[in-house]
N, C-alpha and C. Protein backbone atom coordinates (compact mmCIF):
# COMPACT_ATOMS: atom_id res chain seq x y z
N MET A 1 47.06 -32.57 -32.03
CA MET A 1 46.81 -32.40 -33.30
C MET A 1 44.83 -32.75 -33.17
N LYS A 2 44.77 -33.21 -32.62
CA LYS A 2 42.92 -33.35 -32.73
C LYS A 2 42.47 -32.08 -32.34
N LYS A 3 43.27 -31.01 -31.78
CA LYS A 3 42.50 -29.93 -31.45
C LYS A 3 42.28 -28.73 -32.96
N TYR A 4 43.50 -29.17 -33.47
CA TYR A 4 43.71 -28.48 -34.84
C TYR A 4 42.73 -28.96 -35.72
N ILE A 5 42.84 -30.12 -35.91
CA ILE A 5 41.68 -30.50 -36.91
C ILE A 5 40.33 -30.61 -36.26
N TYR A 6 39.68 -30.70 -35.38
CA TYR A 6 38.64 -30.17 -34.34
C TYR A 6 37.95 -28.66 -35.18
N THR A 7 39.42 -27.43 -34.71
CA THR A 7 39.28 -26.11 -34.87
C THR A 7 39.18 -26.19 -36.39
N VAL A 8 39.81 -26.88 -37.38
CA VAL A 8 39.50 -26.60 -38.41
C VAL A 8 38.34 -26.93 -39.14
N MET A 9 37.82 -28.21 -38.83
CA MET A 9 36.37 -28.71 -39.12
C MET A 9 35.27 -27.69 -38.55
N LEU A 10 35.55 -26.94 -37.39
CA LEU A 10 34.60 -25.88 -36.97
C LEU A 10 34.54 -24.73 -37.80
N ILE A 11 35.57 -24.21 -38.20
CA ILE A 11 35.82 -23.01 -39.02
C ILE A 11 34.92 -23.26 -40.28
N LEU A 12 35.35 -24.35 -40.88
CA LEU A 12 34.66 -24.67 -42.20
C LEU A 12 33.35 -24.96 -42.32
N MET A 13 32.83 -25.70 -41.11
CA MET A 13 31.44 -25.47 -40.86
C MET A 13 30.80 -24.04 -40.39
N ALA A 14 31.59 -23.41 -39.55
CA ALA A 14 30.86 -22.25 -39.20
C ALA A 14 30.74 -21.34 -40.78
N ILE A 15 31.70 -21.51 -41.66
CA ILE A 15 31.54 -20.58 -43.08
C ILE A 15 30.65 -21.08 -43.71
N THR A 16 30.53 -22.34 -43.61
CA THR A 16 29.05 -22.56 -44.74
C THR A 16 28.07 -22.43 -44.42
N VAL A 17 28.02 -22.66 -42.82
CA VAL A 17 26.44 -22.48 -42.12
C VAL A 17 25.99 -20.60 -42.77
N THR A 18 27.23 -19.90 -42.35
CA THR A 18 26.95 -18.53 -42.10
C THR A 18 26.73 -18.03 -43.83
N GLN A 19 26.69 -18.55 -44.97
CA GLN A 19 26.66 -18.21 -46.22
C GLN A 19 25.20 -18.22 -46.47
N ALA A 20 24.68 -17.05 -47.08
CA ALA A 20 23.33 -16.31 -47.33
C ALA A 20 22.94 -17.51 -48.21
N GLN A 21 21.67 -17.92 -47.45
CA GLN A 21 20.89 -18.98 -48.92
C GLN A 21 19.76 -17.97 -49.30
N ARG A 22 20.31 -18.15 -50.63
CA ARG A 22 19.47 -17.82 -51.90
C ARG A 22 18.25 -18.56 -52.37
N MET A 23 17.34 -17.82 -53.07
CA MET A 23 16.00 -18.32 -53.91
C MET A 23 15.73 -19.57 -53.00
N LEU A 24 15.39 -19.16 -51.34
CA LEU A 24 14.42 -20.37 -50.66
C LEU A 24 13.38 -19.97 -51.31
N PRO A 25 12.49 -21.43 -51.11
CA PRO A 25 11.32 -21.71 -51.36
C PRO A 25 10.42 -20.59 -50.29
N LYS A 26 9.11 -20.02 -51.18
CA LYS A 26 8.47 -19.45 -50.32
C LYS A 26 8.73 -17.79 -50.43
N GLN A 27 10.08 -17.54 -50.62
CA GLN A 27 10.68 -16.13 -50.45
C GLN A 27 9.93 -15.26 -51.44
N LYS A 28 9.76 -14.16 -50.86
CA LYS A 28 8.86 -12.69 -51.78
C LYS A 28 9.78 -11.95 -52.25
N GLY A 29 9.70 -11.39 -53.42
CA GLY A 29 10.47 -10.46 -53.80
C GLY A 29 9.76 -9.08 -54.35
N LEU A 30 10.16 -7.94 -54.46
CA LEU A 30 9.90 -6.93 -54.94
C LEU A 30 10.12 -6.33 -56.22
N GLU A 31 10.20 -6.41 -57.52
CA GLU A 31 11.09 -6.04 -58.39
C GLU A 31 10.62 -5.01 -59.22
N VAL A 32 11.25 -3.99 -59.67
CA VAL A 32 11.05 -2.80 -60.48
C VAL A 32 11.97 -2.88 -61.39
N SER A 33 11.43 -2.60 -62.83
CA SER A 33 12.41 -2.24 -63.74
C SER A 33 11.76 -1.55 -64.87
N THR A 34 12.85 -1.10 -66.19
CA THR A 34 12.13 -0.20 -66.73
C THR A 34 13.39 -0.60 -67.91
N GLY A 35 12.94 0.18 -68.94
CA GLY A 35 13.86 -0.24 -70.21
C GLY A 35 13.26 0.20 -71.57
N VAL A 36 13.68 0.06 -72.59
CA VAL A 36 13.47 0.51 -73.60
C VAL A 36 12.50 -0.42 -74.75
N VAL A 37 11.22 -0.01 -75.49
CA VAL A 37 10.57 -0.86 -76.37
C VAL A 37 11.32 -1.08 -77.89
N SER A 38 11.48 -2.07 -78.28
CA SER A 38 12.37 -2.21 -79.21
C SER A 38 11.33 -2.15 -80.71
N ASN A 39 11.49 -1.05 -81.44
CA ASN A 39 11.13 -1.06 -82.51
C ASN A 39 11.85 -0.51 -83.83
N ASP A 40 11.10 0.31 -84.82
CA ASP A 40 12.36 0.57 -85.87
C ASP A 40 13.18 2.04 -85.42
N LYS A 41 12.38 2.75 -84.49
CA LYS A 41 13.16 3.73 -83.69
C LYS A 41 13.12 4.01 -82.26
N ILE A 42 14.47 3.66 -81.27
CA ILE A 42 14.43 3.77 -80.10
C ILE A 42 14.80 4.90 -79.84
N GLY A 43 14.02 5.55 -79.10
CA GLY A 43 13.82 6.81 -78.77
C GLY A 43 13.39 7.06 -77.23
N ASN A 44 12.12 7.64 -77.40
CA ASN A 44 11.39 8.12 -76.24
C ASN A 44 10.39 6.63 -75.89
N ASP A 45 10.55 5.59 -76.53
CA ASP A 45 9.56 4.70 -76.49
C ASP A 45 10.19 3.69 -75.17
N TYR A 46 9.32 3.58 -73.95
CA TYR A 46 9.61 2.87 -72.69
C TYR A 46 8.56 2.27 -71.93
N TYR A 47 9.23 1.49 -71.19
CA TYR A 47 8.03 0.82 -70.16
C TYR A 47 8.64 1.28 -68.64
N LEU A 48 7.83 0.95 -68.01
CA LEU A 48 8.00 0.70 -65.91
C LEU A 48 7.36 -0.54 -65.53
N ASN A 49 7.80 -1.34 -64.80
CA ASN A 49 7.36 -2.48 -64.64
C ASN A 49 7.64 -2.47 -63.26
N ILE A 50 6.29 -2.84 -62.21
CA ILE A 50 6.83 -3.26 -61.03
C ILE A 50 6.04 -4.51 -60.39
N GLY A 51 6.94 -5.64 -59.98
CA GLY A 51 6.06 -6.74 -59.63
C GLY A 51 6.42 -7.54 -58.28
N MET A 52 5.86 -8.83 -58.85
CA MET A 52 6.01 -9.22 -56.97
C MET A 52 6.57 -10.58 -57.69
N THR A 53 7.32 -11.76 -56.98
CA THR A 53 8.23 -12.54 -56.69
C THR A 53 7.97 -13.47 -55.88
N VAL A 54 7.63 -15.00 -56.06
CA VAL A 54 7.59 -15.86 -54.87
C VAL A 54 8.22 -17.13 -55.31
N ASN A 55 9.68 -17.27 -54.79
CA ASN A 55 10.38 -18.42 -55.11
C ASN A 55 9.70 -19.99 -55.03
N GLY A 56 10.15 -20.66 -55.79
CA GLY A 56 9.90 -22.35 -55.69
C GLY A 56 10.72 -23.02 -55.21
N LYS A 57 11.07 -23.95 -55.72
CA LYS A 57 11.98 -24.88 -55.98
C LYS A 57 12.87 -25.12 -56.95
N ASN A 58 14.36 -25.17 -56.99
CA ASN A 58 15.50 -25.01 -57.64
C ASN A 58 15.66 -24.13 -58.21
N GLY A 59 15.28 -22.69 -57.67
CA GLY A 59 15.98 -21.48 -58.48
C GLY A 59 14.38 -20.77 -59.37
N ASN A 60 13.36 -21.38 -59.36
CA ASN A 60 12.00 -21.01 -60.28
C ASN A 60 11.50 -20.12 -59.41
N TYR A 61 10.53 -19.57 -59.75
CA TYR A 61 9.88 -18.77 -59.55
C TYR A 61 8.34 -17.90 -60.09
N GLN A 62 7.35 -17.78 -59.14
CA GLN A 62 6.17 -17.11 -59.93
C GLN A 62 6.72 -15.90 -59.96
N LEU A 63 5.73 -15.29 -60.88
CA LEU A 63 6.07 -13.65 -61.13
C LEU A 63 4.70 -13.20 -61.52
N TRP A 64 4.26 -12.06 -60.53
CA TRP A 64 2.92 -11.21 -60.85
C TRP A 64 3.41 -9.69 -61.10
N ALA A 65 2.90 -9.25 -62.06
CA ALA A 65 3.80 -7.85 -62.17
C ALA A 65 2.33 -6.87 -63.22
N LEU A 66 2.74 -5.40 -62.90
CA LEU A 66 2.18 -4.35 -63.66
C LEU A 66 2.83 -3.48 -64.17
N GLU A 67 2.60 -3.07 -65.32
CA GLU A 67 3.13 -2.64 -66.34
C GLU A 67 2.63 -1.42 -67.37
N TYR A 68 3.56 -0.02 -67.20
CA TYR A 68 2.92 0.69 -68.01
C TYR A 68 4.08 0.71 -69.49
N THR A 69 3.68 0.88 -70.50
CA THR A 69 4.53 1.31 -71.86
C THR A 69 3.87 2.54 -72.62
N HIS A 70 5.18 3.22 -72.89
CA HIS A 70 4.67 4.41 -73.40
C HIS A 70 5.24 4.42 -74.48
N GLN A 71 4.83 4.33 -76.17
CA GLN A 71 5.42 4.69 -77.29
C GLN A 71 4.78 5.70 -78.41
N TYR A 72 5.62 6.23 -79.18
CA TYR A 72 5.13 7.20 -80.15
C TYR A 72 5.11 6.81 -81.58
N HIS A 73 4.21 7.12 -82.21
CA HIS A 73 4.31 6.81 -83.57
C HIS A 73 4.24 8.35 -84.26
N ASP A 74 4.66 8.72 -85.36
CA ASP A 74 5.23 9.21 -86.30
C ASP A 74 4.01 9.74 -87.26
N TYR A 75 3.27 11.07 -87.32
CA TYR A 75 2.70 11.22 -88.79
C TYR A 75 2.65 12.68 -88.92
N LYS A 76 3.51 13.31 -90.25
CA LYS A 76 3.68 14.52 -90.80
C LYS A 76 4.59 15.03 -89.46
N ASP A 77 4.75 16.24 -88.83
CA ASP A 77 5.10 16.48 -87.99
C ASP A 77 4.84 16.05 -86.49
N LEU A 78 3.67 15.61 -86.02
CA LEU A 78 3.12 15.09 -84.85
C LEU A 78 3.58 13.62 -84.26
N ARG A 79 3.82 13.88 -83.13
CA ARG A 79 3.75 12.23 -82.53
C ARG A 79 2.60 11.84 -81.68
N ILE A 80 2.23 11.10 -82.41
CA ILE A 80 0.82 10.56 -81.68
C ILE A 80 1.28 9.43 -80.51
N PRO A 81 0.70 9.35 -79.28
CA PRO A 81 1.01 8.68 -78.06
C PRO A 81 0.46 7.52 -78.26
N GLN A 82 1.28 6.44 -77.52
CA GLN A 82 0.55 5.26 -77.85
C GLN A 82 0.84 4.70 -76.02
N GLU A 83 -0.20 4.50 -75.42
CA GLU A 83 -0.05 4.05 -74.06
C GLU A 83 -0.43 2.43 -73.43
N THR A 84 0.16 1.82 -73.19
CA THR A 84 -0.87 0.51 -72.83
C THR A 84 -0.30 0.24 -71.44
N TYR A 85 -1.50 -0.43 -70.68
CA TYR A 85 -1.19 -0.31 -68.79
C TYR A 85 -1.74 -2.24 -68.98
N THR A 86 -0.48 -2.84 -68.75
CA THR A 86 -0.96 -4.53 -68.75
C THR A 86 -0.51 -4.90 -66.82
N SER A 87 -1.35 -5.93 -66.89
CA SER A 87 -1.09 -6.76 -65.87
C SER A 87 -0.59 -8.35 -66.27
N GLU A 88 0.47 -8.64 -65.33
CA GLU A 88 0.72 -10.26 -66.12
C GLU A 88 1.21 -11.00 -64.84
N GLY A 89 0.87 -12.40 -65.27
CA GLY A 89 1.32 -13.37 -64.14
C GLY A 89 1.87 -14.71 -64.79
N GLY A 90 3.27 -15.38 -64.12
CA GLY A 90 3.71 -16.50 -65.15
C GLY A 90 4.72 -17.02 -63.93
N TYR A 91 5.41 -17.76 -64.48
CA TYR A 91 6.10 -18.56 -64.08
C TYR A 91 8.04 -18.38 -64.96
N SER A 92 8.65 -18.47 -63.96
CA SER A 92 10.29 -18.17 -64.75
C SER A 92 11.02 -19.65 -63.96
N PHE A 93 11.37 -20.19 -65.00
CA PHE A 93 12.35 -21.31 -64.79
C PHE A 93 13.87 -20.98 -64.82
N PHE A 94 14.53 -21.66 -63.79
CA PHE A 94 16.00 -21.48 -63.80
C PHE A 94 16.60 -22.39 -65.12
N LEU A 95 17.52 -21.74 -65.49
CA LEU A 95 18.18 -22.19 -66.88
C LEU A 95 19.82 -23.07 -66.43
N LEU A 96 20.64 -21.74 -65.91
CA LEU A 96 21.98 -21.67 -65.64
C LEU A 96 22.47 -21.03 -64.65
N GLY A 97 23.29 -21.49 -64.04
CA GLY A 97 23.70 -20.81 -62.74
C GLY A 97 24.73 -21.19 -61.93
N ASP A 98 25.40 -20.76 -60.95
CA ASP A 98 26.53 -21.44 -59.80
C ASP A 98 25.66 -21.98 -58.83
N THR A 99 26.30 -22.68 -58.31
CA THR A 99 25.51 -23.62 -57.52
C THR A 99 25.11 -22.59 -56.19
N ARG A 100 25.84 -21.30 -55.82
CA ARG A 100 25.14 -20.39 -54.53
C ARG A 100 24.38 -19.55 -55.35
N LYS A 101 23.84 -20.10 -56.52
CA LYS A 101 22.99 -18.80 -57.40
C LYS A 101 23.25 -17.08 -57.18
N ASN A 102 24.40 -17.12 -57.44
CA ASN A 102 24.93 -15.83 -57.19
C ASN A 102 24.73 -15.36 -58.68
N ILE A 103 24.64 -15.95 -59.72
CA ILE A 103 24.17 -15.44 -61.09
C ILE A 103 23.34 -16.37 -61.57
N THR A 104 22.35 -16.02 -62.07
CA THR A 104 21.25 -17.24 -63.01
C THR A 104 20.94 -16.64 -64.15
N LEU A 105 20.42 -17.66 -65.05
CA LEU A 105 19.65 -17.21 -66.02
C LEU A 105 18.60 -18.04 -66.18
N ASN A 106 17.49 -17.42 -66.12
CA ASN A 106 16.01 -17.40 -65.89
C ASN A 106 15.22 -17.69 -67.28
N PHE A 107 14.43 -18.60 -67.36
CA PHE A 107 13.27 -18.21 -68.86
C PHE A 107 12.02 -17.99 -68.14
N GLY A 108 11.10 -16.88 -68.34
CA GLY A 108 9.67 -17.20 -68.25
C GLY A 108 8.79 -17.14 -69.24
N ILE A 109 7.53 -17.34 -68.86
CA ILE A 109 6.79 -17.49 -69.58
C ILE A 109 5.20 -16.88 -68.45
N THR A 110 4.72 -15.91 -69.54
CA THR A 110 3.38 -14.88 -68.69
C THR A 110 2.38 -14.94 -69.47
N GLY A 111 1.24 -14.81 -68.93
CA GLY A 111 -0.06 -14.28 -69.82
C GLY A 111 0.08 -13.05 -69.46
N VAL A 112 -0.71 -12.46 -70.35
CA VAL A 112 -0.61 -10.60 -70.43
C VAL A 112 -2.40 -10.37 -70.69
N VAL A 113 -2.88 -9.39 -69.88
CA VAL A 113 -3.90 -8.79 -70.14
C VAL A 113 -3.93 -7.33 -69.77
N GLY A 114 -4.44 -6.37 -70.62
CA GLY A 114 -4.60 -4.92 -70.58
C GLY A 114 -5.44 -4.07 -71.10
N TYR A 115 -5.04 -2.64 -71.29
CA TYR A 115 -5.90 -1.83 -71.99
C TYR A 115 -4.76 -0.87 -72.63
N GLU A 116 -5.29 -0.66 -73.97
CA GLU A 116 -4.14 -0.08 -75.00
C GLU A 116 -5.04 1.38 -75.30
N SER A 117 -4.34 2.54 -75.25
CA SER A 117 -4.98 3.98 -75.47
C SER A 117 -3.97 4.53 -76.53
N ILE A 118 -4.77 4.71 -77.55
CA ILE A 118 -3.84 5.65 -79.04
C ILE A 118 -4.51 7.08 -78.87
N ASN A 119 -3.66 7.72 -78.85
CA ASN A 119 -3.53 9.32 -78.50
C ASN A 119 -4.58 9.77 -77.64
N ARG A 120 -4.90 9.04 -76.68
CA ARG A 120 -5.63 9.30 -75.51
C ARG A 120 -6.55 9.32 -75.81
N GLY A 121 -7.58 8.80 -76.43
CA GLY A 121 -9.06 8.56 -77.00
C GLY A 121 -9.15 9.50 -78.39
N GLU A 122 -8.55 10.54 -78.35
CA GLU A 122 -8.89 11.36 -79.52
C GLU A 122 -8.44 11.03 -80.98
N ALA A 123 -9.73 10.53 -81.62
CA ALA A 123 -9.44 10.01 -82.95
C ALA A 123 -9.20 11.08 -83.79
N MET A 124 -9.46 12.40 -83.93
CA MET A 124 -9.25 13.94 -84.73
C MET A 124 -7.83 13.72 -84.59
N LEU A 125 -7.11 14.63 -85.79
CA LEU A 125 -5.97 15.25 -85.29
C LEU A 125 -6.12 16.36 -86.12
N TYR A 126 -5.20 17.46 -85.57
CA TYR A 126 -5.18 18.78 -85.86
C TYR A 126 -5.39 19.19 -87.45
N ASP A 127 -5.35 18.30 -88.44
CA ASP A 127 -5.57 18.63 -89.96
C ASP A 127 -6.66 17.76 -90.55
N GLY A 128 -7.74 17.31 -89.81
CA GLY A 128 -8.69 16.73 -90.14
C GLY A 128 -8.34 14.94 -90.15
N ALA A 129 -7.46 14.65 -90.18
CA ALA A 129 -7.14 13.04 -90.44
C ALA A 129 -7.52 12.54 -89.28
N LYS A 130 -8.11 11.35 -89.53
CA LYS A 130 -8.81 10.39 -88.61
C LYS A 130 -7.82 9.23 -87.83
N ILE A 131 -7.48 8.89 -86.87
CA ILE A 131 -6.99 7.63 -86.65
C ILE A 131 -8.08 6.89 -86.50
N LEU A 132 -7.52 5.36 -87.48
CA LEU A 132 -8.75 4.31 -87.45
C LEU A 132 -8.26 3.44 -86.10
N SER A 133 -7.30 3.19 -85.68
CA SER A 133 -7.10 2.47 -84.65
C SER A 133 -7.96 2.99 -83.35
N GLU A 134 -8.04 1.97 -82.82
CA GLU A 134 -9.12 2.33 -81.57
C GLU A 134 -8.54 1.89 -80.20
N ASP A 135 -9.10 2.52 -79.51
CA ASP A 135 -8.62 2.19 -77.73
C ASP A 135 -9.27 0.62 -77.91
N ASN A 136 -8.27 -0.02 -77.20
CA ASN A 136 -8.97 -1.73 -76.81
C ASN A 136 -8.75 -2.56 -75.58
N PHE A 137 -9.06 -2.99 -75.20
CA PHE A 137 -8.47 -4.10 -74.24
C PHE A 137 -7.91 -5.34 -75.11
N ILE A 138 -6.77 -5.39 -74.44
CA ILE A 138 -5.94 -6.70 -75.25
C ILE A 138 -5.33 -7.78 -74.65
N TYR A 139 -4.98 -8.92 -74.86
CA TYR A 139 -4.46 -9.90 -74.07
C TYR A 139 -3.60 -10.82 -75.07
N GLY A 140 -2.63 -11.58 -74.43
CA GLY A 140 -1.68 -12.38 -75.25
C GLY A 140 -1.04 -13.22 -73.88
N ALA A 141 0.39 -12.99 -74.55
CA ALA A 141 1.46 -14.01 -73.92
C ALA A 141 2.87 -13.32 -73.65
N GLY A 142 3.56 -13.40 -72.94
CA GLY A 142 4.40 -12.86 -72.88
C GLY A 142 6.09 -13.96 -72.77
N GLY A 143 7.03 -13.40 -73.12
CA GLY A 143 8.26 -14.20 -72.75
C GLY A 143 9.47 -13.42 -72.55
N ARG A 144 10.54 -13.91 -71.36
CA ARG A 144 11.61 -13.33 -71.11
C ARG A 144 12.64 -13.90 -70.83
N LEU A 145 13.57 -13.64 -70.65
CA LEU A 145 14.95 -14.23 -70.61
C LEU A 145 15.84 -13.18 -69.65
N THR A 146 16.06 -13.72 -68.12
CA THR A 146 16.59 -12.94 -67.17
C THR A 146 18.20 -13.46 -66.97
N LEU A 147 19.04 -12.60 -66.89
CA LEU A 147 20.22 -12.41 -65.97
C LEU A 147 20.33 -11.96 -65.03
N GLU A 148 20.49 -13.00 -63.65
CA GLU A 148 20.20 -12.05 -62.45
C GLU A 148 20.92 -12.60 -61.58
N THR A 149 21.61 -11.32 -60.85
CA THR A 149 23.05 -11.17 -60.10
C THR A 149 22.68 -10.57 -58.92
N TYR A 150 23.21 -11.50 -57.95
CA TYR A 150 23.07 -10.77 -56.73
C TYR A 150 24.11 -9.79 -55.94
N LEU A 151 23.48 -8.43 -55.66
CA LEU A 151 24.26 -7.84 -55.49
C LEU A 151 24.89 -7.17 -54.00
N SER A 152 24.06 -8.13 -52.95
CA SER A 152 24.04 -8.01 -51.48
C SER A 152 23.01 -9.48 -51.24
N ASP A 153 22.52 -9.73 -50.47
CA ASP A 153 21.85 -10.83 -50.00
C ASP A 153 20.60 -10.76 -50.13
N ARG A 154 20.20 -9.03 -50.14
CA ARG A 154 18.92 -8.93 -50.38
C ARG A 154 18.45 -8.41 -51.77
N PHE A 155 19.31 -7.68 -52.47
CA PHE A 155 19.18 -7.02 -53.68
C PHE A 155 19.90 -8.17 -54.94
N VAL A 156 18.63 -7.71 -55.72
CA VAL A 156 19.33 -8.52 -56.77
C VAL A 156 19.30 -7.86 -58.28
N LEU A 157 20.86 -7.69 -58.94
CA LEU A 157 20.39 -6.74 -60.35
C LEU A 157 19.62 -7.62 -61.67
N ILE A 158 18.59 -7.21 -62.26
CA ILE A 158 18.21 -8.12 -63.53
C ILE A 158 18.31 -7.20 -64.73
N LEU A 159 19.20 -8.19 -65.64
CA LEU A 159 19.07 -7.96 -67.12
C LEU A 159 18.34 -8.48 -67.72
N GLN A 160 17.41 -8.05 -68.95
CA GLN A 160 16.21 -8.73 -69.30
C GLN A 160 15.98 -8.72 -70.76
N GLY A 161 15.92 -9.23 -71.63
CA GLY A 161 15.47 -9.18 -73.17
C GLY A 161 13.85 -9.83 -72.96
N ARG A 162 12.84 -9.16 -73.11
CA ARG A 162 11.19 -9.64 -72.85
C ARG A 162 10.61 -9.32 -74.65
N THR A 163 9.60 -10.23 -74.56
CA THR A 163 8.78 -9.62 -75.77
C THR A 163 6.95 -10.18 -75.44
N LYS A 164 6.63 -9.48 -75.91
CA LYS A 164 4.82 -9.80 -75.76
C LYS A 164 4.27 -10.02 -76.86
N VAL A 165 3.45 -10.65 -77.32
CA VAL A 165 2.54 -10.99 -78.36
C VAL A 165 1.38 -11.02 -77.96
N PHE A 166 0.19 -9.71 -78.92
CA PHE A 166 -1.20 -9.22 -78.27
C PHE A 166 -2.02 -9.66 -79.26
N TRP A 167 -3.27 -10.01 -78.79
CA TRP A 167 -4.18 -9.98 -79.61
C TRP A 167 -5.22 -9.15 -79.28
N GLY A 168 -6.06 -8.08 -80.40
CA GLY A 168 -7.20 -7.84 -79.86
C GLY A 168 -6.78 -6.37 -79.98
N THR A 169 -5.52 -5.73 -80.33
CA THR A 169 -4.81 -4.81 -81.05
C THR A 169 -5.20 -4.57 -82.30
N ASP A 170 -5.25 -3.19 -82.61
CA ASP A 170 -4.94 -2.68 -84.04
C ASP A 170 -3.74 -2.30 -84.76
N LEU A 171 -2.84 -2.34 -83.71
CA LEU A 171 -1.26 -2.17 -83.96
C LEU A 171 -0.29 -3.09 -83.87
N GLU A 172 0.59 -3.24 -83.65
CA GLU A 172 1.72 -4.21 -83.52
C GLU A 172 1.43 -5.25 -82.63
N GLN A 173 1.43 -6.67 -82.94
CA GLN A 173 1.20 -7.89 -82.33
C GLN A 173 2.16 -8.23 -81.29
N PHE A 174 3.41 -8.11 -81.75
CA PHE A 174 5.08 -8.55 -81.36
C PHE A 174 5.62 -7.39 -81.13
N ARG A 175 5.83 -7.23 -79.85
CA ARG A 175 6.52 -6.15 -78.99
C ARG A 175 7.51 -6.34 -78.17
N PRO A 176 9.04 -6.39 -78.78
CA PRO A 176 10.21 -6.99 -77.85
C PRO A 176 10.71 -5.81 -77.44
N SER A 177 11.19 -5.99 -76.33
CA SER A 177 11.76 -4.78 -75.66
C SER A 177 13.18 -5.54 -74.55
N ALA A 178 14.05 -4.62 -73.85
CA ALA A 178 15.11 -4.66 -73.22
C ALA A 178 15.03 -3.91 -72.06
N GLY A 179 15.75 -4.47 -70.98
CA GLY A 179 15.75 -3.42 -69.50
C GLY A 179 16.69 -3.96 -68.30
N VAL A 180 16.16 -3.26 -67.45
CA VAL A 180 17.42 -3.59 -66.33
C VAL A 180 16.39 -3.07 -65.45
N GLY A 181 16.92 -4.11 -64.31
CA GLY A 181 15.52 -3.79 -62.75
C GLY A 181 16.23 -4.12 -61.50
N LEU A 182 15.91 -4.11 -60.62
CA LEU A 182 16.24 -4.06 -59.44
C LEU A 182 15.27 -5.07 -58.46
N ARG A 183 15.50 -6.01 -57.67
CA ARG A 183 14.37 -6.77 -56.86
C ARG A 183 15.10 -7.00 -55.38
N PHE A 184 14.17 -6.61 -54.87
CA PHE A 184 14.42 -6.42 -52.96
C PHE A 184 13.62 -8.10 -52.67
N ASN A 185 14.57 -8.97 -52.45
CA ASN A 185 14.04 -10.07 -51.53
C ASN A 185 13.84 -10.01 -50.04
N PHE A 186 12.54 -10.24 -49.58
CA PHE A 186 11.98 -10.03 -47.98
C PHE A 186 12.62 -10.95 -47.34
């Protein structure tokens, strides 16, 4: 009988030891995400983001990212492009999740700096109209709510809702967006 008890205990210990450890402190990850920028119209307005994460304790992590955002503004039959190049850094806090961190809900706060270009720097339009908004260096803060789920031990699928508030811009200060991403943990 002792042989069976020891065998069962050994199997249970092996199962618990061989489970993947997720969100280990100081573990790094590479994150790529894309999504739509929410405004009056949803169409060709999008963002591309690449970032790095460094895990902390209790499911929290640091986030460092570079982002390109492309939007259009309508003027008569012309679409005026607005491009924003930003870098951000911040911290994401673990809110909810299961004990093995298979699915987690995180809230992040970031600081944002960048550059905004309107109509690629051309102020005059074809009909003689002048764009009054200028290219600017911008700065601000961002927030994001992410639902993260592990696809495997290294790959994480990310669904996110984000918003950024910018100062130093002639255009919209409040810019919400939604997207999807993939993170590879090293």
